[in-house]
Each structure stands twice: as C-alpha cells, then as structure tokens.
Amino acid sequence: MTSSPDTLPKIGAPATRALHDAGYTALRQLAGVPRADLAKLHGLGPKALGILQAALEEHGLSLG
C-alpha cells in the first residue's frame, strides 16, 4: 500500500471527514492514539481502522 506519513491513506470520505473534524490531517498524528478513541468518531469503522493501522505499520508506528 505504501503511504506517506504526512497524508492520510484512502479510507473513504466519511472516515476522512471524521478524522479532519477531529483535527487529524496526517497519518503520523494517529500514532499512539487509542483505537477505541478513533472508533468513537462517526464515520470511522473497523475497515478504516484496519487500513490506518496497516498504513502506520509500514512506518514502524501503531495505533494506541
């Protein structure tokens, strides 16, 4: 998948909007954020969380 830590991966418009509304505009900002906190955001489901985790792992990072 190879993503940049400075951008969010393609996860769908509702999930991207939810992250932007919460102040997350770059993948690196999600490192260490608890998965449960992100799951509470409207529009961010299990599929999007999996994509985000996989993208973080490409850079040696992970959700909290």
C-alpha atoms as a PDB file:
ATOM      1  CA  MET A   1       0.000   0.000   0.000  1.00  0.00           C
ATOM      2  CA  THR A   2       2.930   2.397   0.690  1.00  0.00           C
ATOM      3  CA  SER A   3       1.538   5.563   2.199  1.00  0.00           C
ATOM      4  CA  SER A   4       3.172   8.795   3.263  1.00  0.00           C
ATOM      5  CA  PRO A   5       3.205   9.605   6.984  1.00  0.00           C
ATOM      6  CA  ASP A   6       2.267  13.176   6.021  1.00  0.00           C
ATOM      7  CA  THR A   7      -1.069  12.275   4.420  1.00  0.00           C
ATOM      8  CA  LEU A   8      -3.990  10.060   5.310  1.00  0.00           C
ATOM      9  CA  PRO A   9      -4.474   6.861   3.296  1.00  0.00           C
ATOM     10  CA  LYS A  10      -7.588   6.431   1.161  1.00  0.00           C
ATOM     11  CA  ILE A  11     -10.217   5.303   3.674  1.00  0.00           C
ATOM     12  CA  GLY A  12     -13.398   6.785   2.266  1.00  0.00           C
ATOM     13  CA  ALA A  13     -14.956  10.222   2.505  1.00  0.00           C
ATOM     14  CA  PRO A  14     -16.914   9.779   5.777  1.00  0.00           C
ATOM     15  CA  ALA A  15     -13.878   8.419   7.627  1.00  0.00           C
ATOM     16  CA  THR A  16     -11.593  11.104   6.210  1.00  0.00           C
ATOM     17  CA  ARG A  17     -14.077  13.825   7.221  1.00  0.00           C
ATOM     18  CA  ALA A  18     -14.315  12.362  10.726  1.00  0.00           C
ATOM     19  CA  LEU A  19     -10.539  12.462  11.120  1.00  0.00           C
ATOM     20  CA  HIS A  20     -10.265  16.007   9.727  1.00  0.00           C
ATOM     21  CA  ASP A  21     -13.078  17.182  12.018  1.00  0.00           C
ATOM     22  CA  ALA A  22     -11.175  15.697  14.966  1.00  0.00           C
ATOM     23  CA  GLY A  23      -8.007  17.538  13.904  1.00  0.00           C
ATOM     24  CA  TYR A  24      -6.107  14.661  12.298  1.00  0.00           C
ATOM     25  CA  THR A  25      -4.736  15.576   8.874  1.00  0.00           C
ATOM     26  CA  ALA A  26      -1.629  13.371   8.693  1.00  0.00           C
ATOM     27  CA  LEU A  27      -1.088   9.680   9.304  1.00  0.00           C
ATOM     28  CA  ARG A  28       1.748  10.342  11.766  1.00  0.00           C
ATOM     29  CA  GLN A  29      -0.694  12.209  14.053  1.00  0.00           C
ATOM     30  CA  LEU A  30      -2.561   8.935  14.650  1.00  0.00           C
ATOM     31  CA  ALA A  31       0.462   7.111  16.084  1.00  0.00           C
ATOM     32  CA  GLY A  32      -0.332   6.162  19.667  1.00  0.00           C
ATOM     33  CA  VAL A  33      -3.946   7.335  19.527  1.00  0.00           C
ATOM     34  CA  PRO A  34      -6.115   4.667  21.185  1.00  0.00           C
ATOM     35  CA  ARG A  35      -8.060   2.635  18.630  1.00  0.00           C
ATOM     36  CA  ALA A  36     -11.142   2.901  20.871  1.00  0.00           C
ATOM     37  CA  ASP A  37     -11.000   6.717  20.713  1.00  0.00           C
ATOM     38  CA  LEU A  38     -10.910   6.676  16.920  1.00  0.00           C
ATOM     39  CA  ALA A  39     -13.717   4.091  16.769  1.00  0.00           C
ATOM     40  CA  LYS A  40     -15.965   6.607  18.553  1.00  0.00           C
ATOM     41  CA  LEU A  41     -15.711   9.031  15.632  1.00  0.00           C
ATOM     42  CA  HIS A  42     -18.825   8.965  13.458  1.00  0.00           C
ATOM     43  CA  GLY A  43     -17.916   7.529  10.059  1.00  0.00           C
ATOM     44  CA  LEU A  44     -14.809   5.655  11.174  1.00  0.00           C
ATOM     45  CA  GLY A  45     -15.494   1.924  11.172  1.00  0.00           C
ATOM     46  CA  PRO A  46     -13.479  -1.286  11.520  1.00  0.00           C
ATOM     47  CA  LYS A  47     -12.406  -1.318   7.868  1.00  0.00           C
ATOM     48  CA  ALA A  48     -10.988   2.216   8.023  1.00  0.00           C
ATOM     49  CA  LEU A  49      -9.261   1.466  11.321  1.00  0.00           C
ATOM     50  CA  GLY A  50      -7.627  -1.585   9.765  1.00  0.00           C
ATOM     51  CA  ILE A  51      -6.375   0.463   6.821  1.00  0.00           C
ATOM     52  CA  LEU A  52      -4.994   3.112   9.171  1.00  0.00           C
ATOM     53  CA  GLN A  53      -3.241   0.510  11.327  1.00  0.00           C
ATOM     54  CA  ALA A  54      -1.688  -1.152   8.269  1.00  0.00           C
ATOM     55  CA  ALA A  55      -0.503   2.228   6.945  1.00  0.00           C
ATOM     56  CA  LEU A  56       1.032   3.099  10.325  1.00  0.00           C
ATOM     57  CA  GLU A  57       2.799  -0.268  10.493  1.00  0.00           C
ATOM     58  CA  GLU A  58       4.516   0.500   7.173  1.00  0.00           C
ATOM     59  CA  HIS A  59       6.330   3.267   9.047  1.00  0.00           C
ATOM     60  CA  GLY A  60       7.012   1.319  12.234  1.00  0.00           C
ATOM     61  CA  LEU A  61       4.134   3.023  14.047  1.00  0.00           C
ATOM     62  CA  SER A  62       0.875   1.801  15.551  1.00  0.00           C
ATOM     63  CA  LEU A  63      -2.411   2.925  16.992  1.00  0.00           C
ATOM     64  CA  GLY A  64      -2.514   3.010  20.781  1.00  0.00           C
END
